[in-house]
């Protein structure tokens, strides 16, 4: 677990969940698709009703981030949002959902538009639904 995630966990989200002028961050637990190793990634998120939304941007790189592949292989996981930990089920948004959710995520962090311009792949959105 990296420094951000460690401080986030140690302070129960008091430090790391929100920074002034920055979008909110959650901690995503995931299991390596090949390695089986348990990992935690701090990620910007949006809220759509009871669901949490993630953007698998990897800064606009040509390939999806490792955490996305891990969620495809192991979709039942947990997240920590602030002090609250909850079990979730992850799935990629379909085309219609993405069309609706992409503008929401651009409001959370406008930089995603630049990331999409940098890559030829369509950046996936991940829907985390409570279990």
C-alpha atoms as a PDB file:
ATOM      1  CA  UNK A   1       0.000   0.000   0.000  1.00  0.00           C
ATOM      2  CA  UNK A   2       1.397   3.391  -0.987  1.00  0.00           C
ATOM      3  CA  UNK A   3       1.761   6.446   1.214  1.00  0.00           C
ATOM      4  CA  UNK A   4      -1.567   8.066   0.288  1.00  0.00           C
ATOM      5  CA  UNK A   5      -3.525   4.885   0.952  1.00  0.00           C
ATOM      6  CA  UNK A   6      -1.664   4.209   4.217  1.00  0.00           C
ATOM      7  CA  UNK A   7      -2.368   7.709   5.594  1.00  0.00           C
ATOM      8  CA  UNK A   8      -5.990   7.515   4.376  1.00  0.00           C
ATOM      9  CA  UNK A   9      -6.503   4.194   6.213  1.00  0.00           C
ATOM     10  CA  UNK A  10      -4.626   5.257   9.352  1.00  0.00           C
ATOM     11  CA  UNK A  11      -6.717   8.439   9.706  1.00  0.00           C
ATOM     12  CA  UNK A  12     -10.001   6.734   8.699  1.00  0.00           C
ATOM     13  CA  UNK A  13     -10.199   9.009   5.669  1.00  0.00           C
ATOM     14  CA  UNK A  14      -9.722  12.228   7.621  1.00  0.00           C
ATOM     15  CA  UNK A  15      -6.580  12.822   5.559  1.00  0.00           C
ATOM     16  CA  UNK A  16      -6.710  11.761   1.917  1.00  0.00           C
ATOM     17  CA  UNK A  17     -10.428  11.689   1.173  1.00  0.00           C
ATOM     18  CA  UNK A  18     -10.718  15.355   0.294  1.00  0.00           C
ATOM     19  CA  UNK A  19      -8.149  18.049  -0.455  1.00  0.00           C
ATOM     20  CA  UNK A  20      -9.147  21.691  -1.061  1.00  0.00           C
ATOM     21  CA  UNK A  21      -9.710  22.275  -4.783  1.00  0.00           C
ATOM     22  CA  UNK A  22      -9.318  18.583  -5.663  1.00  0.00           C
ATOM     23  CA  UNK A  23     -11.888  15.872  -6.423  1.00  0.00           C
ATOM     24  CA  UNK A  24     -12.763  13.310  -3.710  1.00  0.00           C
ATOM     25  CA  UNK A  25     -10.720  10.120  -3.449  1.00  0.00           C
ATOM     26  CA  UNK A  26     -11.696   6.627  -2.303  1.00  0.00           C
ATOM     27  CA  UNK A  27      -9.570   3.568  -1.617  1.00  0.00           C
ATOM     28  CA  UNK A  28     -10.256   0.635  -3.933  1.00  0.00           C
ATOM     29  CA  UNK A  29      -9.179  -2.804  -2.764  1.00  0.00           C
ATOM     30  CA  UNK A  30      -8.500  -5.247  -5.593  1.00  0.00           C
ATOM     31  CA  UNK A  31      -6.877  -8.613  -6.165  1.00  0.00           C
ATOM     32  CA  UNK A  32      -4.266  -9.070  -8.877  1.00  0.00           C
ATOM     33  CA  UNK A  33      -5.768 -10.946 -11.829  1.00  0.00           C
ATOM     34  CA  UNK A  34      -2.545 -12.900 -12.374  1.00  0.00           C
ATOM     35  CA  UNK A  35      -0.652 -12.559  -9.100  1.00  0.00           C
ATOM     36  CA  UNK A  36      -3.527 -12.894  -6.639  1.00  0.00           C
ATOM     37  CA  UNK A  37      -1.839 -10.142  -4.598  1.00  0.00           C
ATOM     38  CA  UNK A  38      -4.086  -7.825  -2.592  1.00  0.00           C
ATOM     39  CA  UNK A  39      -3.698  -4.190  -3.599  1.00  0.00           C
ATOM     40  CA  UNK A  40      -5.208  -0.829  -2.689  1.00  0.00           C
ATOM     41  CA  UNK A  41      -5.464   2.117  -5.076  1.00  0.00           C
ATOM     42  CA  UNK A  42      -6.532   5.670  -4.197  1.00  0.00           C
ATOM     43  CA  UNK A  43      -8.868   6.810  -7.003  1.00  0.00           C
ATOM     44  CA  UNK A  44     -11.036   9.814  -7.813  1.00  0.00           C
ATOM     45  CA  UNK A  45     -14.720   8.898  -7.748  1.00  0.00           C
ATOM     46  CA  UNK A  46     -18.144  10.251  -8.592  1.00  0.00           C
ATOM     47  CA  UNK A  47     -21.533   9.384  -7.127  1.00  0.00           C
ATOM     48  CA  UNK A  48     -24.570   8.243  -9.105  1.00  0.00           C
ATOM     49  CA  UNK A  49     -27.384   7.416  -6.703  1.00  0.00           C
ATOM     50  CA  UNK A  50     -26.113   4.516  -4.563  1.00  0.00           C
ATOM     51  CA  UNK A  51     -23.336   3.699  -7.049  1.00  0.00           C
ATOM     52  CA  UNK A  52     -19.776   4.995  -7.099  1.00  0.00           C
ATOM     53  CA  UNK A  53     -18.182   5.731 -10.482  1.00  0.00           C
ATOM     54  CA  UNK A  54     -14.505   5.342 -11.397  1.00  0.00           C
ATOM     55  CA  UNK A  55     -12.680   6.374 -14.560  1.00  0.00           C
ATOM     56  CA  UNK A  56     -10.084   3.879 -15.850  1.00  0.00           C
ATOM     57  CA  UNK A  57      -8.056   6.637 -17.497  1.00  0.00           C
ATOM     58  CA  UNK A  58      -4.445   5.850 -16.525  1.00  0.00           C
ATOM     59  CA  UNK A  59      -3.724   9.436 -17.510  1.00  0.00           C
ATOM     60  CA  UNK A  60      -4.597   8.761 -21.152  1.00  0.00           C
ATOM     61  CA  UNK A  61      -2.051   5.962 -21.670  1.00  0.00           C
ATOM     62  CA  UNK A  62      -2.781   3.422 -24.429  1.00  0.00           C
ATOM     63  CA  UNK A  63      -3.652   0.614 -21.986  1.00  0.00           C
ATOM     64  CA  UNK A  64      -6.200   0.392 -19.190  1.00  0.00           C
ATOM     65  CA  UNK A  65      -4.848   0.559 -15.633  1.00  0.00           C
ATOM     66  CA  UNK A  66      -4.023  -2.699 -13.837  1.00  0.00           C
ATOM     67  CA  UNK A  67      -6.773  -2.123 -11.270  1.00  0.00           C
ATOM     68  CA  UNK A  68      -9.339  -2.228 -14.119  1.00  0.00           C
ATOM     69  CA  UNK A  69      -8.112  -5.653 -15.281  1.00  0.00           C
ATOM     70  CA  UNK A  70      -8.111  -6.826 -11.664  1.00  0.00           C
ATOM     71  CA  UNK A  71     -11.755  -5.783 -11.218  1.00  0.00           C
ATOM     72  CA  UNK A  72     -12.778  -7.573 -14.420  1.00  0.00           C
ATOM     73  CA  UNK A  73     -11.221 -10.767 -13.024  1.00  0.00           C
ATOM     74  CA  UNK A  74     -12.417 -10.223  -9.423  1.00  0.00           C
ATOM     75  CA  UNK A  75     -15.425  -7.850  -9.403  1.00  0.00           C
ATOM     76  CA  UNK A  76     -16.520  -8.348  -5.777  1.00  0.00           C
ATOM     77  CA  UNK A  77     -14.374  -6.155  -3.575  1.00  0.00           C
ATOM     78  CA  UNK A  78     -14.421  -3.362  -0.992  1.00  0.00           C
ATOM     79  CA  UNK A  79     -13.903   0.376  -1.011  1.00  0.00           C
ATOM     80  CA  UNK A  80     -13.279   2.935   1.692  1.00  0.00           C
ATOM     81  CA  UNK A  81     -14.964   6.303   1.263  1.00  0.00           C
ATOM     82  CA  UNK A  82     -13.849   8.579   4.055  1.00  0.00           C
ATOM     83  CA  UNK A  83     -14.244   6.527   7.251  1.00  0.00           C
ATOM     84  CA  UNK A  84     -16.779   4.102   5.740  1.00  0.00           C
ATOM     85  CA  UNK A  85     -15.746   0.751   4.267  1.00  0.00           C
ATOM     86  CA  UNK A  86     -18.276  -1.065   2.121  1.00  0.00           C
ATOM     87  CA  UNK A  87     -18.496  -4.168  -0.061  1.00  0.00           C
ATOM     88  CA  UNK A  88     -19.151  -3.457  -3.741  1.00  0.00           C
ATOM     89  CA  UNK A  89     -19.558  -5.227  -7.061  1.00  0.00           C
ATOM     90  CA  UNK A  90     -17.682  -3.694 -10.004  1.00  0.00           C
ATOM     91  CA  UNK A  91     -18.703  -3.721 -13.643  1.00  0.00           C
ATOM     92  CA  UNK A  92     -17.827  -1.688 -16.704  1.00  0.00           C
ATOM     93  CA  UNK A  93     -20.482   0.780 -17.795  1.00  0.00           C
ATOM     94  CA  UNK A  94     -22.192  -0.127 -21.051  1.00  0.00           C
ATOM     95  CA  UNK A  95     -22.329   2.381 -23.920  1.00  0.00           C
ATOM     96  CA  UNK A  96     -25.599   3.971 -22.793  1.00  0.00           C
ATOM     97  CA  UNK A  97     -24.464   4.269 -19.168  1.00  0.00           C
ATOM     98  CA  UNK A  98     -21.129   5.718 -20.253  1.00  0.00           C
ATOM     99  CA  UNK A  99     -22.878   8.342 -22.365  1.00  0.00           C
ATOM    100  CA  UNK A 100     -24.849   9.433 -19.285  1.00  0.00           C
ATOM    101  CA  UNK A 101     -22.026   9.131 -16.738  1.00  0.00           C
ATOM    102  CA  UNK A 102     -19.119  10.672 -18.687  1.00  0.00           C
ATOM    103  CA  UNK A 103     -20.421  14.269 -18.251  1.00  0.00           C
ATOM    104  CA  UNK A 104     -20.884  13.582 -14.517  1.00  0.00           C
ATOM    105  CA  UNK A 105     -17.258  12.497 -14.219  1.00  0.00           C
ATOM    106  CA  UNK A 106     -16.063  15.539 -16.199  1.00  0.00           C
ATOM    107  CA  UNK A 107     -17.771  17.678 -13.541  1.00  0.00           C
ATOM    108  CA  UNK A 108     -15.853  15.771 -10.857  1.00  0.00           C
ATOM    109  CA  UNK A 109     -12.532  16.193 -12.703  1.00  0.00           C
ATOM    110  CA  UNK A 110     -12.352  18.076 -16.010  1.00  0.00           C
ATOM    111  CA  UNK A 111      -8.881  16.636 -16.757  1.00  0.00           C
ATOM    112  CA  UNK A 112     -10.499  13.394 -17.927  1.00  0.00           C
ATOM    113  CA  UNK A 113     -11.347  15.160 -21.213  1.00  0.00           C
ATOM    114  CA  UNK A 114      -7.618  15.710 -21.842  1.00  0.00           C
ATOM    115  CA  UNK A 115      -6.877  12.079 -21.002  1.00  0.00           C
ATOM    116  CA  UNK A 116      -9.488  10.912 -23.517  1.00  0.00           C
ATOM    117  CA  UNK A 117      -7.923  13.121 -26.211  1.00  0.00           C
ATOM    118  CA  UNK A 118      -4.484  11.575 -25.526  1.00  0.00           C
ATOM    119  CA  UNK A 119      -5.561   8.012 -26.256  1.00  0.00           C
ATOM    120  CA  UNK A 120      -7.276   6.109 -29.045  1.00  0.00           C
ATOM    121  CA  UNK A 121      -9.015   3.756 -26.614  1.00  0.00           C
ATOM    122  CA  UNK A 122     -12.362   4.675 -25.154  1.00  0.00           C
ATOM    123  CA  UNK A 123     -11.673   5.173 -21.466  1.00  0.00           C
ATOM    124  CA  UNK A 124     -13.876   2.776 -19.496  1.00  0.00           C
ATOM    125  CA  UNK A 125     -16.085   3.861 -16.642  1.00  0.00           C
ATOM    126  CA  UNK A 126     -16.519   1.453 -13.751  1.00  0.00           C
ATOM    127  CA  UNK A 127     -19.714   1.273 -11.746  1.00  0.00           C
ATOM    128  CA  UNK A 128     -19.309   0.108  -8.149  1.00  0.00           C
ATOM    129  CA  UNK A 129     -22.666  -1.033  -6.773  1.00  0.00           C
ATOM    130  CA  UNK A 130     -23.235  -1.841  -3.094  1.00  0.00           C
ATOM    131  CA  UNK A 131     -23.420  -5.550  -2.253  1.00  0.00           C
END
